[in-house]
């Protein structure tokens, strides 16, 4: 089946945006750097908009996006994705407003919502593809791989933003630096989830079928998505790596993005080709309208 690139890019960018919001929410709860959080939330909002535009570009007509919005209560795969896309965007905007107005109590509530909605969008971007008609999609390992790779990419994006934040001065909260040290561990957990998700879906596909894709399997999914992201996350734990946090984060972003794209490409190329639902199907049927 032909790879649907708008959907590949949408799921990766929207999922990564949600993961960046989730990391921002976690940082807010443990008292991390406020400057990093605000920059991260702004980055997440940009990714959400870009991902949404990719999703609209896939429809036969932009007017179909309006149809999908007016049928949100159908709870189809597309409607759930739209609801989570909107929920994450609203949470990000509200967070920026509350932090500007210094409403601390409200910020903590929004931080929890950012974690919940941020993780959920990555998962449900993959869950919408689970259908009986496609045996290679009909597994919970698929949304797990989507969510895991989104978390890994979002974690390294947040780490890159953190590496560019100004160093806290002596007059600032001295405990802030200690709390910031928890970030590499959070990125490692996200990378481990991403690697596990990729491995789980590859095992579901079958190593013979997946490895037949050559460079896409060995280079994208295995070398970058599993080995590369884990290596960058582990290296980031070394105290001496703090001086090179930015290059490590960039390398992690490249590996996580390559792995995320590879597993999404494998989903399409390993699918049964007897019916190209997304290019030949009627939009209203696809969206369960």
Protein backbone atom coordinates (compact mmCIF):
# COMPACT_ATOMS: atom_id res chain seq x y z
CA UNK A 1 0.00 0.00 0.00
CA UNK A 2 1.27 3.47 -0.83
CA UNK A 3 2.67 5.48 2.05
CA UNK A 4 0.34 8.31 3.04
CA UNK A 5 2.93 10.98 3.88
CA UNK A 6 0.53 13.62 5.25
CA UNK A 7 -0.67 11.07 7.82
CA UNK A 8 2.88 10.00 8.64
CA UNK A 9 3.92 13.61 9.27
CA UNK A 10 0.71 14.47 11.12
CA UNK A 11 0.99 11.60 13.58
CA UNK A 12 4.68 12.25 14.22
CA UNK A 13 4.40 16.02 14.68
CA UNK A 14 1.17 15.92 16.68
CA UNK A 15 2.49 13.11 18.86
CA UNK A 16 5.80 14.89 19.43
CA UNK A 17 3.94 18.11 20.28
CA UNK A 18 1.90 16.23 22.85
CA UNK A 19 5.07 14.72 24.30
CA UNK A 20 6.69 18.16 24.59
CA UNK A 21 3.59 19.36 26.45
CA UNK A 22 3.78 16.30 28.71
CA UNK A 23 7.42 17.06 29.51
CA UNK A 24 6.46 20.67 30.20
CA UNK A 25 3.75 19.50 32.58
CA UNK A 26 6.19 17.19 34.36
CA UNK A 27 8.70 20.01 34.65
CA UNK A 28 6.01 22.24 36.15
CA UNK A 29 5.14 19.64 38.79
CA UNK A 30 8.74 19.08 39.87
CA UNK A 31 9.71 22.76 39.69
CA UNK A 32 11.96 22.85 36.63
CA UNK A 33 13.04 25.90 34.66
CA UNK A 34 10.08 28.18 33.84
CA UNK A 35 11.83 29.67 30.81
CA UNK A 36 12.34 26.24 29.28
CA UNK A 37 8.72 25.32 29.88
CA UNK A 38 7.33 28.41 28.17
CA UNK A 39 9.60 27.93 25.16
CA UNK A 40 8.66 24.26 25.01
CA UNK A 41 4.94 25.01 25.11
CA UNK A 42 5.33 27.54 22.28
CA UNK A 43 7.22 24.91 20.28
CA UNK A 44 4.47 22.38 20.94
CA UNK A 45 1.80 24.79 19.69
CA UNK A 46 3.72 25.31 16.44
CA UNK A 47 4.03 21.53 15.96
CA UNK A 48 0.32 21.06 16.64
CA UNK A 49 -0.61 23.60 13.97
CA UNK A 50 1.85 22.10 11.47
CA UNK A 51 0.57 18.60 12.18
CA UNK A 52 -3.03 19.73 11.81
CA UNK A 53 -2.26 21.26 8.41
CA UNK A 54 -0.70 17.96 7.29
CA UNK A 55 -3.85 16.15 8.35
CA UNK A 56 -6.07 18.56 6.39
CA UNK A 57 -3.79 18.21 3.36
CA UNK A 58 -4.55 14.51 3.24
CA UNK A 59 -8.30 15.00 2.82
CA UNK A 60 -9.74 15.15 -0.70
CA UNK A 61 -10.97 18.67 0.05
CA UNK A 62 -10.36 21.05 2.97
CA UNK A 63 -14.15 21.16 3.37
CA UNK A 64 -14.00 17.57 4.62
CA UNK A 65 -12.16 18.90 7.67
CA UNK A 66 -15.27 20.95 8.48
CA UNK A 67 -17.38 17.81 8.14
CA UNK A 68 -15.11 15.99 10.55
CA UNK A 69 -15.35 18.83 13.09
CA UNK A 70 -19.15 18.86 12.92
CA UNK A 71 -19.21 15.10 13.59
CA UNK A 72 -16.88 14.92 16.57
CA UNK A 73 -19.38 12.92 18.61
CA UNK A 74 -19.10 10.05 16.14
CA UNK A 75 -15.93 9.11 18.07
CA UNK A 76 -14.31 7.77 14.94
CA UNK A 77 -10.54 7.61 14.77
CA UNK A 78 -10.38 11.00 13.06
CA UNK A 79 -12.79 12.67 15.51
CA UNK A 80 -10.79 11.47 18.53
CA UNK A 81 -7.58 12.78 16.94
CA UNK A 82 -9.22 16.15 16.30
CA UNK A 83 -10.53 16.38 19.85
CA UNK A 84 -7.10 15.60 21.30
CA UNK A 85 -5.45 18.01 18.88
CA UNK A 86 -7.77 20.77 20.07
CA UNK A 87 -7.42 19.75 23.73
CA UNK A 88 -3.62 19.90 23.58
CA UNK A 89 -3.69 23.27 21.83
CA UNK A 90 -6.09 24.71 24.41
CA UNK A 91 -4.01 23.36 27.28
CA UNK A 92 -0.88 24.95 25.81
CA UNK A 93 -2.53 28.34 25.34
CA UNK A 94 -4.09 28.26 28.83
CA UNK A 95 -0.72 27.37 30.33
CA UNK A 96 0.93 30.39 28.71
CA UNK A 97 -1.87 32.66 29.95
CA UNK A 98 -1.80 31.33 33.52
CA UNK A 99 1.97 31.54 33.82
CA UNK A 100 1.89 35.10 32.53
CA UNK A 101 -0.76 35.99 35.12
CA UNK A 102 1.09 33.94 37.77
CA UNK A 103 -1.94 31.82 38.70
CA UNK A 104 0.11 29.07 40.34
CA UNK A 105 -2.74 26.84 41.46
CA UNK A 106 -4.26 26.74 38.00
CA UNK A 107 -0.88 26.04 36.44
CA UNK A 108 -0.53 22.77 38.37
CA UNK A 109 -3.96 21.60 37.17
CA UNK A 110 -3.07 22.46 33.58
CA UNK A 111 0.27 20.65 34.01
CA UNK A 112 -1.54 17.42 34.88
CA UNK A 113 -3.86 17.86 31.87
CA UNK A 114 -0.82 18.47 29.66
CA UNK A 115 0.66 15.13 30.72
CA UNK A 116 -2.60 13.23 30.17
CA UNK A 117 -3.58 14.80 26.84
CA UNK A 118 0.02 14.95 25.63
CA UNK A 119 0.54 11.21 25.99
CA UNK A 120 -2.96 10.38 24.77
CA UNK A 121 -2.63 12.08 21.38
CA UNK A 122 0.42 10.02 20.45
CA UNK A 123 -1.38 6.81 21.38
CA UNK A 124 -4.67 7.57 19.62
CA UNK A 125 -2.91 8.73 16.43
CA UNK A 126 -1.96 5.07 16.09
CA UNK A 127 -5.06 3.50 17.63
CA UNK A 128 -7.27 4.82 14.83
CA UNK A 129 -5.60 2.44 12.39
CA UNK A 130 -6.53 -0.74 14.26
CA UNK A 131 -9.03 -2.48 11.97
CA UNK A 132 -9.78 -6.13 11.28
CA UNK A 133 -9.48 -5.60 7.53
CA UNK A 134 -5.75 -4.95 7.83
CA UNK A 135 -4.06 -7.85 9.68
CA UNK A 136 -0.75 -5.98 9.92
CA UNK A 137 -2.48 -3.07 11.71
CA UNK A 138 -4.76 -5.07 13.98
CA UNK A 139 -2.61 -4.98 17.12
CA UNK A 140 -2.27 -2.77 20.20
CA UNK A 141 1.48 -2.76 19.54
CA UNK A 142 0.83 -0.21 16.77
CA UNK A 143 -0.51 2.63 18.97
CA UNK A 144 2.13 1.70 21.56
CA UNK A 145 4.81 2.22 18.90
CA UNK A 146 3.22 5.53 17.86
CA UNK A 147 3.07 6.77 21.47
CA UNK A 148 6.56 5.56 22.33
CA UNK A 149 8.27 7.11 19.33
CA UNK A 150 6.37 10.36 19.93
CA UNK A 151 7.55 10.45 23.53
CA UNK A 152 11.16 9.80 22.52
CA UNK A 153 11.11 12.58 19.93
CA UNK A 154 9.33 14.99 22.28
CA UNK A 155 11.78 14.22 25.05
CA UNK A 156 14.79 15.12 22.95
CA UNK A 157 13.07 18.25 21.65
CA UNK A 158 12.49 19.33 25.24
CA UNK A 159 16.12 18.50 26.08
CA UNK A 160 17.29 20.67 23.18
CA UNK A 161 15.17 23.58 24.39
CA UNK A 162 16.50 23.07 27.92
CA UNK A 163 20.08 23.15 26.64
CA UNK A 164 19.44 26.59 25.14
CA UNK A 165 17.87 28.08 28.26
CA UNK A 166 19.90 30.61 30.26
CA UNK A 167 21.76 29.23 33.23
CA UNK A 168 20.15 30.05 36.59
CA UNK A 169 21.88 32.83 38.48
CA UNK A 170 22.93 32.63 42.12
CA UNK A 171 19.95 34.74 43.10
CA UNK A 172 17.49 32.22 41.67
CA UNK A 173 16.14 29.12 43.34
CA UNK A 174 19.20 26.99 44.05
CA UNK A 175 17.07 23.86 44.00
CA UNK A 176 16.09 24.45 40.37
CA UNK A 177 19.35 23.06 39.03
CA UNK A 178 18.98 19.87 41.08
CA UNK A 179 15.46 19.34 39.79
CA UNK A 180 16.63 19.91 36.23
CA UNK A 181 18.96 16.93 36.63
CA UNK A 182 15.91 14.68 36.50
CA UNK A 183 15.35 15.57 32.83
CA UNK A 184 17.95 13.12 31.42
CA UNK A 185 16.28 10.29 33.31
CA UNK A 186 12.87 11.27 31.93
CA UNK A 187 14.33 11.35 28.40
CA UNK A 188 15.83 7.89 28.98
CA UNK A 189 12.45 6.51 30.06
CA UNK A 190 10.80 8.06 26.97
CA UNK A 191 13.52 6.62 24.72
CA UNK A 192 13.13 3.20 26.30
CA UNK A 193 9.38 3.31 25.68
CA UNK A 194 10.02 4.33 22.09
CA UNK A 195 12.50 1.51 21.52
CA UNK A 196 10.19 -1.01 23.19
CA UNK A 197 7.24 0.15 21.08
CA UNK A 198 9.21 -0.20 17.86
CA UNK A 199 10.49 -3.64 18.86
CA UNK A 200 7.01 -4.81 19.85
CA UNK A 201 5.48 -3.77 16.53
CA UNK A 202 8.34 -5.27 14.52
CA UNK A 203 7.86 -8.58 16.33
CA UNK A 204 4.13 -8.39 15.60
CA UNK A 205 4.84 -7.81 11.89
CA UNK A 206 7.31 -10.66 11.91
CA UNK A 207 11.03 -10.20 11.51
CA UNK A 208 11.00 -11.85 8.09
CA UNK A 209 8.41 -9.42 6.70
CA UNK A 210 9.92 -6.35 8.39
CA UNK A 211 13.54 -7.12 7.56
CA UNK A 212 12.56 -7.60 3.91
CA UNK A 213 12.27 -3.80 3.78
CA UNK A 214 16.05 -3.57 4.08
CA UNK A 215 17.34 -0.11 5.00
CA UNK A 216 13.94 0.96 6.32
CA UNK A 217 14.08 -1.83 8.89
CA UNK A 218 17.79 -2.02 9.72
CA UNK A 219 18.68 1.64 9.27
CA UNK A 220 15.52 3.48 10.29
CA UNK A 221 13.77 1.31 12.86
CA UNK A 222 16.65 -0.64 14.40
CA UNK A 223 19.79 1.53 14.05
CA UNK A 224 18.10 4.92 14.58
CA UNK A 225 14.83 4.21 16.37
CA UNK A 226 16.14 1.67 18.86
CA UNK A 227 19.94 1.78 19.11
CA UNK A 228 20.46 5.48 18.29
CA UNK A 229 17.83 6.93 20.61
CA UNK A 230 18.84 4.71 23.52
CA UNK A 231 22.53 5.51 22.99
CA UNK A 232 21.87 9.27 23.00
CA UNK A 233 19.71 8.98 26.11
CA UNK A 234 22.32 6.94 27.97
CA UNK A 235 25.16 9.26 26.97
CA UNK A 236 23.06 12.18 28.19
CA UNK A 237 23.14 10.66 31.70
CA UNK A 238 26.92 11.02 31.96
CA UNK A 239 27.76 14.12 34.04
CA UNK A 240 30.44 15.19 31.56
CA UNK A 241 27.81 15.22 28.81
CA UNK A 242 26.24 18.35 30.29
CA UNK A 243 28.76 20.45 28.35
CA UNK A 244 27.62 18.87 25.09
CA UNK A 245 23.91 18.69 25.89
CA UNK A 246 22.89 20.47 22.70
CA UNK A 247 24.68 18.17 20.19
CA UNK A 248 23.43 15.10 22.07
CA UNK A 249 19.86 16.42 21.99
CA UNK A 250 20.12 17.16 18.25
CA UNK A 251 21.46 13.66 17.59
CA UNK A 252 18.62 12.25 19.68
CA UNK A 253 16.04 14.24 17.70
CA UNK A 254 17.46 12.94 14.41
CA UNK A 255 17.47 9.32 15.60
CA UNK A 256 14.02 9.51 17.22
CA UNK A 257 12.50 11.22 14.17
CA UNK A 258 14.07 8.66 11.83
CA UNK A 259 12.81 5.80 13.97
CA UNK A 260 9.34 7.29 14.25
CA UNK A 261 9.08 7.82 10.50
CA UNK A 262 10.47 4.34 9.80
CA UNK A 263 7.91 2.51 11.93
CA UNK A 264 5.09 4.52 10.34
CA UNK A 265 6.43 3.76 6.86
CA UNK A 266 6.67 0.05 7.72
CA UNK A 267 3.03 0.15 8.77
CA UNK A 268 2.05 1.24 5.27
CA UNK A 269 4.44 -0.81 3.14
CA UNK A 270 3.67 -4.00 5.05
CA UNK A 271 -0.10 -3.48 4.80
CA UNK A 272 -2.30 -5.63 2.60
CA UNK A 273 -2.68 -4.00 -0.80
CA UNK A 274 -6.04 -5.45 -1.82
CA UNK A 275 -7.87 -2.23 -0.92
CA UNK A 276 -6.34 1.22 -0.80
CA UNK A 277 -8.88 2.65 1.62
CA UNK A 278 -7.21 6.00 2.05
CA UNK A 279 -6.77 6.90 -1.63
CA UNK A 280 -9.86 5.27 -3.16
CA UNK A 281 -12.35 5.30 -0.32
CA UNK A 282 -15.17 7.81 0.03
CA UNK A 283 -14.12 10.50 2.56
CA UNK A 284 -17.47 10.34 4.39
CA UNK A 285 -17.07 6.59 4.88
CA UNK A 286 -13.47 6.93 6.07
CA UNK A 287 -14.50 9.53 8.65
CA UNK A 288 -17.50 7.46 9.79
CA UNK A 289 -19.86 10.35 9.09
